[in-house]
Amino acid sequence: MNFTEHTKIRKEKFGAVVFDTLTEKIFVTDEIGGEILRLIEKGKDLLHIISALCDSYDGNGQTIGKDVIEFTNQLKSNNIISG
């Protein structure tokens, strides 16, 4: 997964702000969404992202995996990431 060329990310205390320069849409994420974006920025794949979040946060691995897949699918449908 990679960010599309028209995506800009700004890290914030609460998470992150994602700006799509093509559509001028703004998306705001919480801390966990910001962590997912940071891992995508580092070139990590879906399985690594899920594993890292399972290590960092208390929660059911299946639930975390489902949430990460849902979040990344939303990013893809909004043309924030590709791949």
N, C-alpha and C. Protein backbone atom coordinates (compact mmCIF):
# COMPACT_ATOMS: atom_id res chain seq x y z
N MET A 1 0.84 -1.18 0.00
CA MET A 1 0.00 0.00 0.00
C MET A 1 0.88 1.24 0.00
N ASN A 2 0.47 2.21 -0.77
CA ASN A 2 1.17 3.48 -0.85
C ASN A 2 0.15 4.61 -0.89
N PHE A 3 0.56 5.77 -0.43
CA PHE A 3 -0.29 6.94 -0.57
C PHE A 3 -0.28 7.39 -2.02
N THR A 4 -1.42 7.88 -2.49
CA THR A 4 -1.46 8.42 -3.84
C THR A 4 -0.69 9.73 -3.87
N GLU A 5 -0.28 10.14 -5.05
CA GLU A 5 0.59 11.32 -5.16
C GLU A 5 -0.09 12.62 -4.73
N HIS A 6 -1.41 12.63 -4.69
CA HIS A 6 -2.13 13.85 -4.32
C HIS A 6 -2.59 13.86 -2.86
N THR A 7 -1.99 12.99 -2.05
CA THR A 7 -2.36 12.88 -0.63
C THR A 7 -1.29 13.51 0.25
N LYS A 8 -1.71 14.34 1.16
CA LYS A 8 -0.82 14.95 2.15
C LYS A 8 -1.32 14.57 3.54
N ILE A 9 -0.38 14.21 4.42
CA ILE A 9 -0.71 13.80 5.78
C ILE A 9 -0.06 14.76 6.76
N ARG A 10 -0.83 15.20 7.75
CA ARG A 10 -0.26 16.01 8.82
C ARG A 10 -0.57 15.31 10.14
N LYS A 11 0.48 15.01 10.88
CA LYS A 11 0.31 14.35 12.17
C LYS A 11 -0.11 15.38 13.21
N GLU A 12 -1.05 14.98 14.05
CA GLU A 12 -1.56 15.83 15.12
C GLU A 12 -1.54 15.04 16.43
N LYS A 13 -1.73 15.73 17.55
CA LYS A 13 -1.76 15.05 18.85
C LYS A 13 -2.90 14.04 18.92
N PHE A 14 -4.01 14.34 18.28
CA PHE A 14 -5.19 13.48 18.33
C PHE A 14 -5.17 12.36 17.29
N GLY A 15 -4.24 12.40 16.35
CA GLY A 15 -4.18 11.41 15.27
C GLY A 15 -3.53 12.00 14.04
N ALA A 16 -4.34 12.25 13.01
CA ALA A 16 -3.80 12.81 11.78
C ALA A 16 -4.90 13.48 10.97
N VAL A 17 -4.45 14.40 10.11
CA VAL A 17 -5.33 15.03 9.14
C VAL A 17 -4.82 14.63 7.77
N VAL A 18 -5.73 14.13 6.94
CA VAL A 18 -5.38 13.70 5.59
C VAL A 18 -6.03 14.67 4.62
N PHE A 19 -5.23 15.21 3.69
CA PHE A 19 -5.75 16.16 2.72
C PHE A 19 -5.53 15.60 1.33
N ASP A 20 -6.61 15.51 0.57
CA ASP A 20 -6.54 15.07 -0.83
C ASP A 20 -6.49 16.34 -1.68
N THR A 21 -5.34 16.63 -2.25
CA THR A 21 -5.17 17.87 -3.00
C THR A 21 -5.94 17.86 -4.32
N LEU A 22 -6.31 16.69 -4.80
CA LEU A 22 -7.05 16.58 -6.06
C LEU A 22 -8.51 16.97 -5.87
N THR A 23 -9.14 16.44 -4.83
CA THR A 23 -10.56 16.72 -4.58
C THR A 23 -10.77 17.79 -3.51
N GLU A 24 -9.69 18.17 -2.84
CA GLU A 24 -9.71 19.13 -1.74
C GLU A 24 -10.55 18.64 -0.56
N LYS A 25 -10.65 17.32 -0.40
CA LYS A 25 -11.35 16.74 0.74
C LYS A 25 -10.37 16.58 1.90
N ILE A 26 -10.89 16.74 3.11
CA ILE A 26 -10.09 16.58 4.32
C ILE A 26 -10.70 15.45 5.14
N PHE A 27 -9.83 14.57 5.64
CA PHE A 27 -10.24 13.47 6.49
C PHE A 27 -9.46 13.58 7.80
N VAL A 28 -10.13 13.35 8.91
CA VAL A 28 -9.50 13.44 10.23
C VAL A 28 -9.57 12.05 10.87
N THR A 29 -8.44 11.61 11.42
CA THR A 29 -8.41 10.30 12.08
C THR A 29 -8.07 10.48 13.56
N ASP A 30 -8.40 9.45 14.32
CA ASP A 30 -8.01 9.43 15.73
C ASP A 30 -6.58 8.90 15.85
N GLU A 31 -6.16 8.65 17.06
CA GLU A 31 -4.78 8.20 17.32
C GLU A 31 -4.46 6.88 16.61
N ILE A 32 -5.40 5.94 16.65
CA ILE A 32 -5.15 4.64 16.01
C ILE A 32 -5.11 4.79 14.50
N GLY A 33 -6.00 5.59 13.94
CA GLY A 33 -5.96 5.87 12.51
C GLY A 33 -4.64 6.51 12.11
N GLY A 34 -4.15 7.42 12.96
CA GLY A 34 -2.85 8.05 12.71
C GLY A 34 -1.72 7.04 12.73
N GLU A 35 -1.81 6.07 13.63
CA GLU A 35 -0.80 5.00 13.70
C GLU A 35 -0.83 4.15 12.43
N ILE A 36 -2.02 3.83 11.95
CA ILE A 36 -2.14 3.06 10.70
C ILE A 36 -1.53 3.85 9.55
N LEU A 37 -1.81 5.14 9.47
CA LEU A 37 -1.24 5.97 8.41
C LEU A 37 0.28 6.02 8.50
N ARG A 38 0.81 6.10 9.71
CA ARG A 38 2.26 6.13 9.90
C ARG A 38 2.89 4.83 9.40
N LEU A 39 2.24 3.71 9.69
CA LEU A 39 2.77 2.41 9.25
C LEU A 39 2.68 2.27 7.73
N ILE A 40 1.61 2.78 7.13
CA ILE A 40 1.51 2.77 5.66
C ILE A 40 2.63 3.62 5.07
N GLU A 41 2.87 4.78 5.68
CA GLU A 41 3.93 5.68 5.21
C GLU A 41 5.30 4.99 5.25
N LYS A 42 5.49 4.10 6.22
CA LYS A 42 6.74 3.35 6.34
C LYS A 42 6.80 2.16 5.38
N GLY A 43 5.74 1.95 4.60
CA GLY A 43 5.73 0.87 3.63
C GLY A 43 5.32 -0.48 4.17
N LYS A 44 4.70 -0.51 5.34
CA LYS A 44 4.30 -1.78 5.96
C LYS A 44 3.06 -2.33 5.25
N ASP A 45 3.00 -3.67 5.17
CA ASP A 45 1.83 -4.30 4.55
C ASP A 45 0.74 -4.50 5.60
N LEU A 46 -0.41 -4.96 5.13
CA LEU A 46 -1.59 -5.10 5.98
C LEU A 46 -1.34 -6.01 7.18
N LEU A 47 -0.70 -7.14 6.96
CA LEU A 47 -0.44 -8.08 8.06
C LEU A 47 0.48 -7.47 9.12
N HIS A 48 1.49 -6.72 8.69
CA HIS A 48 2.39 -6.07 9.63
C HIS A 48 1.64 -5.00 10.44
N ILE A 49 0.78 -4.26 9.78
CA ILE A 49 0.01 -3.21 10.46
C ILE A 49 -0.88 -3.84 11.54
N ILE A 50 -1.58 -4.90 11.18
CA ILE A 50 -2.46 -5.58 12.14
C ILE A 50 -1.64 -6.12 13.31
N SER A 51 -0.51 -6.74 13.02
CA SER A 51 0.35 -7.29 14.07
C SER A 51 0.86 -6.20 15.00
N ALA A 52 1.29 -5.07 14.43
CA ALA A 52 1.81 -3.96 15.23
C ALA A 52 0.72 -3.40 16.15
N LEU A 53 -0.50 -3.28 15.65
CA LEU A 53 -1.59 -2.76 16.47
C LEU A 53 -1.99 -3.75 17.56
N CYS A 54 -1.95 -5.04 17.25
CA CYS A 54 -2.23 -6.06 18.27
C CYS A 54 -1.20 -5.99 19.39
N ASP A 55 0.06 -5.70 19.04
CA ASP A 55 1.11 -5.57 20.05
C ASP A 55 0.94 -4.31 20.89
N SER A 56 0.43 -3.24 20.28
CA SER A 56 0.34 -1.95 20.95
C SER A 56 -0.94 -1.75 21.76
N TYR A 57 -2.01 -2.40 21.34
CA TYR A 57 -3.31 -2.15 21.96
C TYR A 57 -3.94 -3.45 22.46
N ASP A 58 -4.65 -3.33 23.57
CA ASP A 58 -5.42 -4.46 24.08
C ASP A 58 -6.62 -4.64 23.17
N GLY A 59 -6.88 -5.84 22.81
CA GLY A 59 -8.05 -6.09 21.99
C GLY A 59 -7.94 -7.43 21.29
N ASN A 60 -9.06 -7.87 20.82
CA ASN A 60 -9.14 -9.12 20.08
C ASN A 60 -8.46 -8.94 18.72
N GLY A 61 -7.55 -9.83 18.38
CA GLY A 61 -6.82 -9.75 17.12
C GLY A 61 -7.73 -9.76 15.91
N GLN A 62 -8.81 -10.55 15.98
CA GLN A 62 -9.76 -10.61 14.87
C GLN A 62 -10.46 -9.27 14.68
N THR A 63 -10.84 -8.66 15.79
CA THR A 63 -11.52 -7.37 15.73
C THR A 63 -10.59 -6.30 15.20
N ILE A 64 -9.36 -6.28 15.68
CA ILE A 64 -8.38 -5.31 15.20
C ILE A 64 -8.15 -5.51 13.70
N GLY A 65 -7.99 -6.74 13.27
CA GLY A 65 -7.79 -7.03 11.85
C GLY A 65 -8.96 -6.54 11.01
N LYS A 66 -10.18 -6.81 11.46
CA LYS A 66 -11.38 -6.37 10.75
C LYS A 66 -11.42 -4.85 10.65
N ASP A 67 -11.11 -4.18 11.76
CA ASP A 67 -11.13 -2.71 11.78
C ASP A 67 -10.07 -2.12 10.86
N VAL A 68 -8.87 -2.71 10.84
CA VAL A 68 -7.79 -2.22 9.97
C VAL A 68 -8.18 -2.40 8.51
N ILE A 69 -8.74 -3.55 8.17
CA ILE A 69 -9.16 -3.79 6.79
C ILE A 69 -10.25 -2.81 6.38
N GLU A 70 -11.21 -2.57 7.27
CA GLU A 70 -12.28 -1.61 6.98
C GLU A 70 -11.70 -0.21 6.78
N PHE A 71 -10.78 0.19 7.65
CA PHE A 71 -10.16 1.52 7.55
C PHE A 71 -9.38 1.67 6.24
N THR A 72 -8.56 0.67 5.90
CA THR A 72 -7.77 0.76 4.67
C THR A 72 -8.67 0.70 3.43
N ASN A 73 -9.77 -0.03 3.50
CA ASN A 73 -10.71 -0.05 2.38
C ASN A 73 -11.34 1.33 2.18
N GLN A 74 -11.62 2.03 3.28
CA GLN A 74 -12.15 3.40 3.17
C GLN A 74 -11.11 4.32 2.55
N LEU A 75 -9.84 4.15 2.94
CA LEU A 75 -8.77 4.95 2.35
C LEU A 75 -8.68 4.69 0.85
N LYS A 76 -8.79 3.43 0.45
CA LYS A 76 -8.74 3.07 -0.97
C LYS A 76 -9.92 3.66 -1.73
N SER A 77 -11.12 3.55 -1.16
CA SER A 77 -12.31 4.05 -1.85
C SER A 77 -12.30 5.57 -1.99
N ASN A 78 -11.55 6.25 -1.14
CA ASN A 78 -11.40 7.70 -1.23
C ASN A 78 -10.13 8.11 -1.96
N ASN A 79 -9.46 7.14 -2.59
CA ASN A 79 -8.22 7.37 -3.36
C ASN A 79 -7.11 8.01 -2.53
N ILE A 80 -7.04 7.64 -1.25
CA ILE A 80 -5.96 8.11 -0.38
C ILE A 80 -4.76 7.18 -0.51
N ILE A 81 -5.03 5.88 -0.62
CA ILE A 81 -3.97 4.89 -0.81
C ILE A 81 -4.30 4.03 -2.02
N SER A 82 -3.28 3.39 -2.55
CA SER A 82 -3.45 2.42 -3.63
C SER A 82 -2.68 1.17 -3.28
N GLY A 83 -3.08 0.07 -3.90
CA GLY A 83 -2.35 -1.17 -3.68
C GLY A 83 -2.93 -2.06 -2.63
